[in-house]
Amino acid sequence: MAKKNTGKVIQMLTPENYIRTKSRTLPIYECWISSNWKVSKFPIILIARKHPNDNITYCTYMVDLLCLGVKNTFYSFNITLSTYNDQLNDIREEMHLKSCNYVLVHNIIYAALEFAEEFEFKPCKDFKSVTQYFLGEDTDDVELIEIECGDEDGQPVCVYSKLHDDLRKVQKIIAQLERTAGSGNYSVVDEDEEAEEFVDDDDFEDDEDFFGDKTFAEKKEVFLMLSSVEIESEKVDALIAVTNSMYRDIIDPQIVSNYYDEFFDELSVEILSDEVPNELLGLSSDDGTISDEVIDLFFEVLIAVDDDLDKARSKWEIFKKLAKGIPAVSYLELEILRIEKPKEYLAKRAKFALQYPSYSMIRLLEYNDLIQGGKFPNQNEIAKFTFDTIFQGRETLHRAEFFRYFLCFSFLIAHETNLNKLEALFELLDEFELEEKDFNLLEKTILFLKISALIEYLKK
């Protein structure tokens, strides 16, 4: 009989962790920037570093010097020099890049971040979690170059496309500029109109201006009428518009900003979609690789629970045999029992919670049941369901974990009837790169909670 290999397993750094912890030790290989960046104010930047084996890791940064800072970023890790050159040629041709020195791109990125921060815009998620660490530290050792941000007067400009952008997100950007810069201190540009044709923010037709000339009492009358009955779909937009308008009358922008920062700090984590962490299935990161077959079956059961319970039960039986007793077997059984046999579900949930006290998906079921059951937790119970106690310091979550936590967290905030907190939570949603269906469900949920909280607020 062969001896079991008990040797220590060497844990390799993921590309993300390597970039976070070691990339600054690699020498800069070269830098590139879009040739028209001074005119467009939207520089596209590529920075490459060379490994000791002559391979290349590079990061690109899509920067908005007019308003938003670092809008997007991506990276390619440890590729051969020939592969890098092929990819670079494609990017250069498409983006019209020219060679430049590192000092220039360093100053551009940090200037954009600083300007955006003045108006409380945060850089994109991947920059916060990964590619900021690819840059050199912003110290006095780096020559300071003055980079012009904003328009000719140094005021922020929101540039959008009616054809390509999500106008709901554009509306949120404008609302944030209204709150942070103040009316008349920013511009809005539709890039589909004639180039450089600035439009006044009052000309931007959206639900935010629709009730702008109404008194609070008039808005309240419309709101109570629309929210007191089951309204037709075409009137839903009017209800949302008057709700948002009343929130602007009630909330304190500085308090909203403080809550926004507080929530952002608590929820700032890398959200995984394609990669599945072991923790999603109740295992530790040291437990080895989970087979694709097990992972695929896990999601098949999870999806089928809401659509086809018989299929979910059948797939779960296969998963149970294949997964060999991992905690995810118990979690999926709970998801099925929650719909199929509620009383048995409660008993088993209590049992499995004791058996797997650190498994996030079972903890989230407890959290959800506590809130959705109408029994909102007291302060001692809340302490057991914070982000840190559920996820125990993890830096990455699967989108399924994040979605479930954010949903529970939203209901908990709504129970406080704190309109400032709800507004901050609603604005925060855009910070996270979620699948469209998850984003839409969370957005609709928070809108519903905003409406419900406003009803309670008006009763006081």
Protein backbone atom coordinates (compact mmCIF):
# COMPACT_ATOMS: atom_id res chain seq x y z
CA MET A 1 0.00 0.00 0.00
CA ALA A 2 1.42 3.37 -1.02
CA LYS A 3 2.30 5.78 1.73
CA LYS A 4 0.23 8.89 2.06
CA ASN A 5 2.08 12.01 1.03
CA THR A 6 2.21 14.20 4.11
CA GLY A 7 4.60 16.77 2.71
CA LYS A 8 3.83 20.43 3.10
CA VAL A 9 1.82 21.94 0.26
CA ILE A 10 3.41 25.10 -1.12
CA GLN A 11 0.77 27.80 -1.42
CA MET A 12 1.30 29.80 -4.61
CA LEU A 13 0.30 33.45 -4.61
CA THR A 14 -2.65 34.25 -6.81
CA PRO A 15 -2.01 36.92 -9.47
CA GLU A 16 -4.03 39.38 -7.37
CA ASN A 17 -2.04 38.72 -4.20
CA TYR A 18 1.25 38.87 -6.09
CA ILE A 19 0.34 42.28 -7.50
CA ARG A 20 -0.73 43.46 -4.03
CA THR A 21 2.38 42.28 -2.21
CA LYS A 22 5.29 41.94 -4.65
CA SER A 23 4.72 43.86 -7.88
CA ARG A 24 6.38 47.05 -6.63
CA THR A 25 9.67 45.13 -6.36
CA LEU A 26 9.65 44.53 -10.14
CA PRO A 27 11.34 47.17 -12.30
CA ILE A 28 9.23 49.32 -14.61
CA TYR A 29 9.62 48.00 -18.15
CA GLU A 30 7.74 50.72 -20.04
CA CYS A 31 4.70 53.01 -19.91
CA TRP A 32 2.16 54.13 -22.52
CA ILE A 33 -0.58 56.76 -22.63
CA SER A 34 -3.28 57.78 -25.10
CA SER A 35 -1.86 60.46 -27.37
CA ASN A 36 -4.83 62.87 -27.05
CA TRP A 37 -5.12 62.70 -23.26
CA LYS A 38 -4.56 66.44 -22.69
CA VAL A 39 -7.49 67.33 -24.95
CA SER A 40 -9.88 64.53 -24.07
CA LYS A 41 -9.08 64.53 -20.31
CA PHE A 42 -9.66 60.76 -20.45
CA PRO A 43 -6.16 59.23 -20.44
CA ILE A 44 -5.77 55.51 -21.04
CA ILE A 45 -2.59 54.36 -19.33
CA LEU A 46 -0.60 51.13 -19.54
CA ILE A 47 2.24 50.33 -17.12
CA ALA A 48 4.38 47.21 -17.57
CA ARG A 49 6.84 45.63 -15.13
CA LYS A 50 9.34 42.87 -15.94
CA HIS A 51 9.84 39.68 -13.88
CA PRO A 52 13.28 38.11 -13.33
CA ASN A 53 12.35 35.45 -15.92
CA ASP A 54 11.72 38.25 -18.48
CA ASN A 55 7.95 37.74 -18.35
CA ILE A 56 5.71 40.79 -18.13
CA THR A 57 2.88 41.86 -15.87
CA TYR A 58 1.01 44.96 -16.97
CA CYS A 59 -1.92 47.01 -15.73
CA THR A 60 -4.10 49.44 -17.63
CA TYR A 61 -5.97 52.36 -16.11
CA MET A 62 -8.89 54.21 -17.68
CA VAL A 63 -8.78 57.62 -16.05
CA ASP A 64 -11.31 60.46 -15.93
CA LEU A 65 -9.60 63.77 -15.13
CA LEU A 66 -12.91 65.60 -15.40
CA CYS A 67 -14.78 63.93 -12.56
CA LEU A 68 -14.63 60.26 -11.62
CA GLY A 69 -10.94 59.43 -11.20
CA VAL A 70 -10.02 55.84 -12.10
CA LYS A 71 -13.11 54.50 -13.87
CA ASN A 72 -11.81 51.08 -14.87
CA THR A 73 -8.69 48.96 -14.76
CA PHE A 74 -7.50 45.51 -15.73
CA TYR A 75 -4.29 43.52 -15.58
CA SER A 76 -2.46 40.69 -17.29
CA PHE A 77 -0.10 38.66 -15.12
CA ASN A 78 3.25 37.02 -15.84
CA ILE A 79 2.90 36.63 -19.62
CA THR A 80 5.76 36.04 -22.04
CA LEU A 81 7.38 39.02 -23.68
CA SER A 82 6.14 37.94 -27.11
CA THR A 83 2.56 37.62 -25.83
CA TYR A 84 2.85 41.04 -24.22
CA ASN A 85 4.09 42.60 -27.45
CA ASP A 86 1.19 41.08 -29.38
CA GLN A 87 -1.34 42.40 -26.86
CA LEU A 88 0.37 45.78 -26.70
CA ASN A 89 0.25 46.18 -30.48
CA ASP A 90 -3.51 45.54 -30.44
CA ILE A 91 -4.05 48.02 -27.60
CA ARG A 92 -1.80 50.66 -29.17
CA GLU A 93 -3.65 50.43 -32.46
CA GLU A 94 -7.08 50.66 -30.86
CA MET A 95 -6.29 53.30 -28.23
CA HIS A 96 -3.62 55.33 -30.10
CA LEU A 97 -1.04 55.06 -27.34
CA LYS A 98 2.35 56.74 -27.24
CA SER A 99 5.35 55.92 -25.06
CA CYS A 100 5.93 58.01 -21.94
CA ASN A 101 7.78 57.93 -18.63
CA TYR A 102 6.42 56.55 -15.37
CA VAL A 103 6.52 59.89 -13.55
CA LEU A 104 3.88 61.34 -15.90
CA VAL A 105 1.37 58.51 -15.55
CA HIS A 106 1.94 58.35 -11.79
CA ASN A 107 1.05 62.04 -11.46
CA ILE A 108 -1.97 61.72 -13.75
CA ILE A 109 -3.49 58.81 -11.82
CA TYR A 110 -2.94 60.32 -8.38
CA ALA A 111 -4.19 63.75 -9.50
CA ALA A 112 -7.36 62.15 -10.87
CA LEU A 113 -7.90 60.24 -7.62
CA GLU A 114 -7.44 63.38 -5.52
CA PHE A 115 -9.80 65.44 -7.71
CA ALA A 116 -12.50 62.74 -7.66
CA GLU A 117 -12.18 62.41 -3.89
CA GLU A 118 -13.12 66.10 -3.51
CA PHE A 119 -16.58 65.13 -4.76
CA GLU A 120 -16.66 61.78 -2.91
CA PHE A 121 -16.17 59.59 -5.98
CA LYS A 122 -14.27 56.38 -5.29
CA PRO A 123 -12.03 54.56 -7.78
CA CYS A 124 -13.32 51.34 -9.32
CA LYS A 125 -13.26 48.14 -7.27
CA ASP A 126 -10.33 46.44 -9.00
CA PHE A 127 -8.17 49.52 -8.50
CA LYS A 128 -8.94 49.56 -4.78
CA SER A 129 -8.33 45.83 -4.37
CA VAL A 130 -5.52 45.14 -6.85
CA THR A 131 -4.01 47.58 -9.33
CA GLN A 132 -3.33 50.49 -6.98
CA TYR A 133 -0.53 48.33 -5.57
CA PHE A 134 1.09 48.12 -9.01
CA LEU A 135 1.82 51.84 -8.83
CA GLY A 136 4.76 53.18 -6.91
CA GLU A 137 3.92 54.72 -3.57
CA ASP A 138 2.96 58.39 -3.84
CA THR A 139 5.90 59.88 -1.94
CA ASP A 140 8.18 62.89 -2.31
CA ASP A 141 10.60 60.63 -4.19
CA VAL A 142 8.35 60.94 -7.25
CA GLU A 143 8.76 64.24 -9.10
CA LEU A 144 5.59 66.33 -8.82
CA ILE A 145 4.00 67.39 -12.12
CA GLU A 146 0.96 69.69 -12.19
CA ILE A 147 -1.96 67.93 -13.87
CA GLU A 148 -5.05 69.96 -14.76
CA CYS A 149 -8.32 68.37 -13.65
CA GLY A 150 -11.88 69.46 -14.35
CA ASP A 151 -12.85 72.08 -16.93
CA GLU A 152 -11.10 75.42 -17.61
CA ASP A 153 -12.32 76.70 -14.24
CA GLY A 154 -11.32 73.53 -12.39
CA GLN A 155 -14.94 72.44 -11.96
CA PRO A 156 -16.05 68.82 -12.41
CA VAL A 157 -17.72 67.69 -15.62
CA CYS A 158 -19.96 64.64 -15.91
CA VAL A 159 -19.56 63.23 -19.42
CA TYR A 160 -22.09 60.61 -20.44
CA SER A 161 -23.64 58.96 -23.49
CA LYS A 162 -27.39 58.60 -23.87
CA LEU A 163 -26.73 55.75 -26.28
CA HIS A 164 -24.29 53.71 -24.23
CA ASP A 165 -24.48 54.61 -20.53
CA ASP A 166 -26.93 53.47 -17.87
CA LEU A 167 -28.82 56.71 -17.29
CA ARG A 168 -29.74 55.69 -13.74
CA LYS A 169 -26.04 55.70 -12.87
CA VAL A 170 -25.59 59.03 -14.63
CA GLN A 171 -28.42 60.47 -12.54
CA LYS A 172 -26.69 59.30 -9.37
CA ILE A 173 -23.44 60.95 -10.45
CA ILE A 174 -25.27 64.23 -11.09
CA ALA A 175 -27.08 63.98 -7.76
CA GLN A 176 -23.73 63.48 -6.03
CA LEU A 177 -22.24 66.49 -7.82
CA GLU A 178 -25.28 68.54 -6.81
CA ARG A 179 -24.65 67.50 -3.21
CA THR A 180 -20.86 67.89 -3.12
CA ALA A 181 -20.04 70.61 -5.66
CA GLY A 182 -23.30 72.53 -5.44
CA SER A 183 -25.68 73.80 -8.08
CA GLY A 184 -23.93 75.73 -10.84
CA ASN A 185 -20.50 74.42 -9.87
CA TYR A 186 -20.37 71.52 -12.31
CA SER A 187 -21.30 70.76 -15.91
CA VAL A 188 -22.97 67.86 -17.69
CA VAL A 189 -21.95 66.84 -21.20
CA ASP A 190 -23.74 64.45 -23.54
CA GLU A 191 -20.92 63.13 -25.73
CA ASP A 192 -23.47 62.13 -28.37
CA GLU A 193 -24.21 65.81 -28.93
CA GLU A 194 -21.77 68.09 -30.76
CA ALA A 195 -18.25 67.82 -29.34
CA GLU A 196 -17.49 70.25 -26.52
CA GLU A 197 -21.15 71.37 -26.34
CA PHE A 198 -21.80 71.74 -22.63
CA VAL A 199 -25.35 71.59 -21.33
CA ASP A 200 -26.59 73.04 -18.11
CA ASP A 201 -27.49 70.51 -15.45
CA ASP A 202 -31.03 71.92 -15.40
CA ASP A 203 -31.47 70.65 -18.97
CA PHE A 204 -30.83 67.05 -17.97
CA GLU A 205 -34.27 65.52 -18.07
CA ASP A 206 -34.63 62.89 -15.37
CA ASP A 207 -36.83 62.12 -12.41
CA GLU A 208 -34.71 64.34 -10.15
CA ASP A 209 -36.04 67.56 -11.71
CA PHE A 210 -39.62 66.45 -12.20
CA PHE A 211 -40.81 67.51 -8.72
CA GLY A 212 -38.17 70.19 -8.21
CA ASP A 213 -40.67 73.08 -8.32
CA LYS A 214 -43.14 71.46 -5.90
CA THR A 215 -43.40 72.27 -2.20
CA PHE A 216 -42.72 69.51 0.31
CA ALA A 217 -46.43 69.40 1.19
CA GLU A 218 -47.35 68.93 -2.49
CA LYS A 219 -44.79 66.16 -2.87
CA LYS A 220 -46.08 64.49 0.29
CA GLU A 221 -49.63 64.50 -1.06
CA VAL A 222 -48.54 62.86 -4.33
CA PHE A 223 -46.34 60.36 -2.50
CA LEU A 224 -49.06 59.26 -0.07
CA MET A 225 -51.56 58.88 -2.89
CA LEU A 226 -49.20 56.76 -5.03
CA SER A 227 -47.88 54.66 -2.16
CA SER A 228 -51.25 53.90 -0.58
CA VAL A 229 -52.62 51.80 -3.44
CA GLU A 230 -51.38 49.21 -5.88
CA ILE A 231 -50.41 51.45 -8.78
CA GLU A 232 -50.11 50.74 -12.47
CA SER A 233 -46.64 50.07 -13.83
CA GLU A 234 -46.54 53.37 -15.72
CA LYS A 235 -46.92 55.25 -12.41
CA VAL A 236 -44.07 53.43 -10.66
CA ASP A 237 -41.55 55.88 -12.14
CA ALA A 238 -43.55 58.77 -10.71
CA LEU A 239 -43.52 57.16 -7.25
CA ILE A 240 -39.75 56.66 -7.46
CA ALA A 241 -39.26 60.23 -8.67
CA VAL A 242 -41.27 61.83 -5.88
CA THR A 243 -39.57 59.55 -3.33
CA ASN A 244 -36.12 60.65 -4.49
CA SER A 245 -37.21 64.28 -4.51
CA MET A 246 -38.49 64.06 -0.92
CA TYR A 247 -35.32 62.33 0.20
CA ARG A 248 -33.32 65.27 -1.13
CA ASP A 249 -35.47 67.59 0.97
CA ILE A 250 -35.03 65.52 4.13
CA ILE A 251 -31.52 64.08 4.16
CA ASP A 252 -28.37 65.79 5.38
CA PRO A 253 -25.71 65.47 2.62
CA GLN A 254 -22.81 65.44 5.09
CA ILE A 255 -24.40 62.71 7.20
CA VAL A 256 -25.11 60.69 4.04
CA SER A 257 -21.48 61.11 3.04
CA ASN A 258 -20.28 59.90 6.45
CA TYR A 259 -22.50 56.81 6.30
CA TYR A 260 -21.38 56.19 2.71
CA ASP A 261 -17.74 56.11 3.80
CA GLU A 262 -18.58 53.92 6.79
CA PHE A 263 -20.46 51.37 4.66
CA PHE A 264 -17.83 51.47 1.91
CA ASP A 265 -15.07 50.68 4.41
CA GLU A 266 -17.09 47.81 5.87
CA LEU A 267 -18.12 46.29 2.53
CA SER A 268 -14.96 46.99 0.53
CA VAL A 269 -13.99 43.52 -0.65
CA GLU A 270 -13.09 41.89 -3.95
CA ILE A 271 -16.20 40.24 -5.43
CA LEU A 272 -15.52 37.11 -7.45
CA SER A 273 -17.72 35.88 -10.26
CA ASP A 274 -15.71 33.41 -12.32
CA GLU A 275 -13.47 32.19 -9.51
CA VAL A 276 -15.08 30.12 -6.73
CA PRO A 277 -13.35 30.34 -3.33
CA ASN A 278 -13.31 27.22 -1.15
CA GLU A 279 -15.10 29.16 1.58
CA LEU A 280 -18.27 29.32 -0.53
CA LEU A 281 -18.58 25.56 -0.04
CA GLY A 282 -17.62 25.68 3.64
CA LEU A 283 -13.97 24.72 3.22
CA SER A 284 -10.81 26.62 4.02
CA SER A 285 -8.38 27.98 1.47
CA ASP A 286 -5.92 25.25 2.58
CA ASP A 287 -8.25 22.36 1.73
CA GLY A 288 -7.08 21.98 -1.85
CA THR A 289 -8.82 22.47 -5.17
CA ILE A 290 -12.50 21.61 -5.58
CA SER A 291 -13.39 19.81 -8.80
CA ASP A 292 -15.31 21.67 -11.49
CA GLU A 293 -17.97 18.96 -11.37
CA VAL A 294 -18.66 19.61 -7.68
CA ILE A 295 -18.75 23.38 -8.23
CA ASP A 296 -21.09 23.09 -11.22
CA LEU A 297 -23.46 20.83 -9.28
CA PHE A 298 -23.46 23.24 -6.34
CA PHE A 299 -24.72 26.07 -8.53
CA GLU A 300 -27.18 23.83 -10.37
CA VAL A 301 -28.83 22.95 -7.06
CA LEU A 302 -28.76 26.54 -5.83
CA ILE A 303 -30.43 27.84 -9.00
CA ALA A 304 -32.97 25.01 -9.15
CA VAL A 305 -34.18 25.67 -5.58
CA ASP A 306 -36.13 28.71 -6.78
CA ASP A 307 -37.22 27.26 -10.13
CA ASP A 308 -37.74 23.51 -9.79
CA LEU A 309 -37.68 21.93 -6.33
CA ASP A 310 -37.82 18.36 -7.65
CA LYS A 311 -34.82 19.03 -9.85
CA ALA A 312 -33.02 20.64 -6.92
CA ARG A 313 -33.64 17.58 -4.72
CA SER A 314 -32.48 15.21 -7.48
CA LYS A 315 -29.31 17.20 -8.20
CA TRP A 316 -28.62 17.50 -4.48
CA GLU A 317 -28.63 13.71 -4.08
CA ILE A 318 -25.93 13.50 -6.77
CA PHE A 319 -24.02 16.36 -5.17
CA LYS A 320 -24.22 14.66 -1.77
CA LYS A 321 -22.50 11.52 -3.09
CA LEU A 322 -19.91 13.40 -5.08
CA ALA A 323 -19.03 16.07 -2.50
CA LYS A 324 -18.49 13.53 0.31
CA GLY A 325 -19.75 15.37 3.34
CA ILE A 326 -18.39 18.87 2.78
CA PRO A 327 -20.41 21.61 4.57
CA ALA A 328 -22.02 22.72 1.30
CA VAL A 329 -24.03 19.47 1.30
CA SER A 330 -25.75 20.58 4.51
CA TYR A 331 -26.22 24.13 3.27
CA LEU A 332 -27.96 23.04 0.07
CA GLU A 333 -30.17 20.68 2.06
CA LEU A 334 -31.25 23.67 4.14
CA GLU A 335 -32.08 25.68 1.02
CA ILE A 336 -34.35 22.85 -0.15
CA LEU A 337 -35.96 22.27 3.26
CA ARG A 338 -36.57 26.00 3.70
CA ILE A 339 -39.20 25.74 0.97
CA GLU A 340 -40.15 22.07 1.20
CA LYS A 341 -40.39 21.47 4.97
CA PRO A 342 -40.10 24.71 6.99
CA LYS A 343 -40.31 23.08 10.45
CA GLU A 344 -37.63 20.52 9.67
CA TYR A 345 -35.59 23.33 8.15
CA LEU A 346 -35.50 25.31 11.41
CA ALA A 347 -34.36 22.30 13.42
CA LYS A 348 -31.64 21.37 10.95
CA ARG A 349 -30.51 24.96 10.54
CA ALA A 350 -29.86 25.13 14.28
CA LYS A 351 -28.00 21.81 14.13
CA PHE A 352 -25.83 22.74 11.16
CA ALA A 353 -25.10 26.21 12.60
CA LEU A 354 -23.50 24.50 15.59
CA GLN A 355 -21.75 21.94 13.38
CA TYR A 356 -20.32 24.57 10.99
CA PRO A 357 -20.09 27.79 13.03
CA SER A 358 -17.80 29.58 10.56
CA TYR A 359 -19.58 28.65 7.31
CA SER A 360 -20.77 31.95 5.83
CA MET A 361 -23.67 30.58 3.78
CA ILE A 362 -25.30 28.98 6.83
CA ARG A 363 -24.60 32.08 8.92
CA LEU A 364 -26.31 34.15 6.23
CA LEU A 365 -29.37 31.90 6.39
CA GLU A 366 -29.56 32.58 10.14
CA TYR A 367 -29.18 36.30 9.50
CA ASN A 368 -31.86 36.27 6.80
CA ASP A 369 -34.32 34.30 8.94
CA LEU A 370 -33.83 36.63 11.89
CA ILE A 371 -34.61 39.71 9.81
CA GLN A 372 -37.18 38.40 7.31
CA GLY A 373 -39.13 36.72 10.10
CA GLY A 374 -40.07 40.12 11.46
CA LYS A 375 -38.02 39.66 14.62
CA PHE A 376 -35.33 42.25 14.13
CA PRO A 377 -32.16 41.56 16.08
CA ASN A 378 -31.19 43.40 19.23
CA GLN A 379 -27.70 44.82 19.66
CA ASN A 380 -26.28 41.55 21.00
CA GLU A 381 -27.69 39.62 18.05
CA ILE A 382 -26.45 42.23 15.56
CA ALA A 383 -22.92 41.74 16.90
CA LYS A 384 -23.04 38.11 15.74
CA PHE A 385 -23.89 39.11 12.17
CA THR A 386 -21.42 41.82 11.27
CA PHE A 387 -19.43 41.58 8.05
CA ASP A 388 -16.30 40.63 10.00
CA THR A 389 -17.95 37.98 12.17
CA ILE A 390 -19.56 36.28 9.17
CA PHE A 391 -16.61 36.45 6.76
CA GLN A 392 -13.78 36.53 9.33
CA GLY A 393 -11.38 38.89 7.63
CA ARG A 394 -11.61 37.45 4.12
CA GLU A 395 -10.50 39.77 1.32
CA THR A 396 -12.49 38.04 -1.44
CA LEU A 397 -16.11 36.87 -1.56
CA HIS A 398 -18.11 35.10 -4.20
CA ARG A 399 -20.93 37.24 -5.57
CA ALA A 400 -23.47 34.80 -4.05
CA GLU A 401 -22.11 35.52 -0.57
CA PHE A 402 -21.92 39.28 -1.11
CA PHE A 403 -25.41 39.46 -2.59
CA ARG A 404 -26.97 37.63 0.37
CA TYR A 405 -25.14 39.73 2.92
CA PHE A 406 -25.97 43.03 1.20
CA LEU A 407 -29.65 42.05 1.04
CA CYS A 408 -29.81 41.27 4.77
CA PHE A 409 -27.81 44.38 5.60
CA SER A 410 -30.26 46.52 3.60
CA PHE A 411 -33.27 45.22 5.54
CA LEU A 412 -31.45 45.78 8.82
CA ILE A 413 -30.69 49.40 7.89
CA ALA A 414 -34.27 49.95 6.72
CA HIS A 415 -35.61 48.80 10.09
CA GLU A 416 -33.94 51.82 11.70
CA THR A 417 -36.05 54.14 9.47
CA ASN A 418 -32.87 56.16 9.02
CA LEU A 419 -33.29 57.92 5.68
CA ASN A 420 -29.70 59.14 5.62
CA LYS A 421 -28.41 55.58 5.95
CA LEU A 422 -30.75 54.28 3.25
CA GLU A 423 -29.71 57.02 0.84
CA ALA A 424 -26.04 56.23 1.49
CA LEU A 425 -26.71 52.54 0.89
CA PHE A 426 -28.53 53.27 -2.36
CA GLU A 427 -25.67 55.45 -3.63
CA LEU A 428 -23.13 52.81 -2.56
CA LEU A 429 -24.65 50.09 -4.72
CA ASP A 430 -22.91 51.39 -7.84
CA GLU A 431 -19.51 50.79 -6.25
CA PHE A 432 -19.80 47.02 -6.62
CA GLU A 433 -19.43 45.06 -9.84
CA LEU A 434 -22.43 42.75 -9.61
CA GLU A 435 -24.19 40.66 -12.20
CA GLU A 436 -27.01 42.62 -13.79
CA LYS A 437 -29.79 40.49 -12.27
CA ASP A 438 -28.26 40.81 -8.78
CA PHE A 439 -27.78 44.56 -9.17
CA ASN A 440 -31.35 45.06 -10.41
CA LEU A 441 -32.83 43.03 -7.56
CA LEU A 442 -30.81 44.91 -4.93
CA GLU A 443 -31.68 48.25 -6.51
CA LYS A 444 -35.41 47.43 -6.55
CA THR A 445 -35.21 46.17 -2.98
CA ILE A 446 -33.54 49.31 -1.67
CA LEU A 447 -36.00 51.51 -3.58
CA PHE A 448 -38.85 49.58 -1.94
CA LEU A 449 -37.18 49.99 1.46
CA LYS A 450 -36.70 53.72 0.84
CA ILE A 451 -40.41 54.07 0.07
CA SER A 452 -41.42 52.01 3.14
CA ALA A 453 -39.09 53.98 5.41
CA LEU A 454 -40.45 57.27 4.06
CA ILE A 455 -44.01 56.16 4.86
CA GLU A 456 -42.95 55.45 8.46
CA TYR A 457 -41.03 58.72 8.65
CA LEU A 458 -44.11 60.71 7.58
CA LYS A 459 -46.20 59.05 10.30
CA LYS A 460 -44.02 60.56 13.01
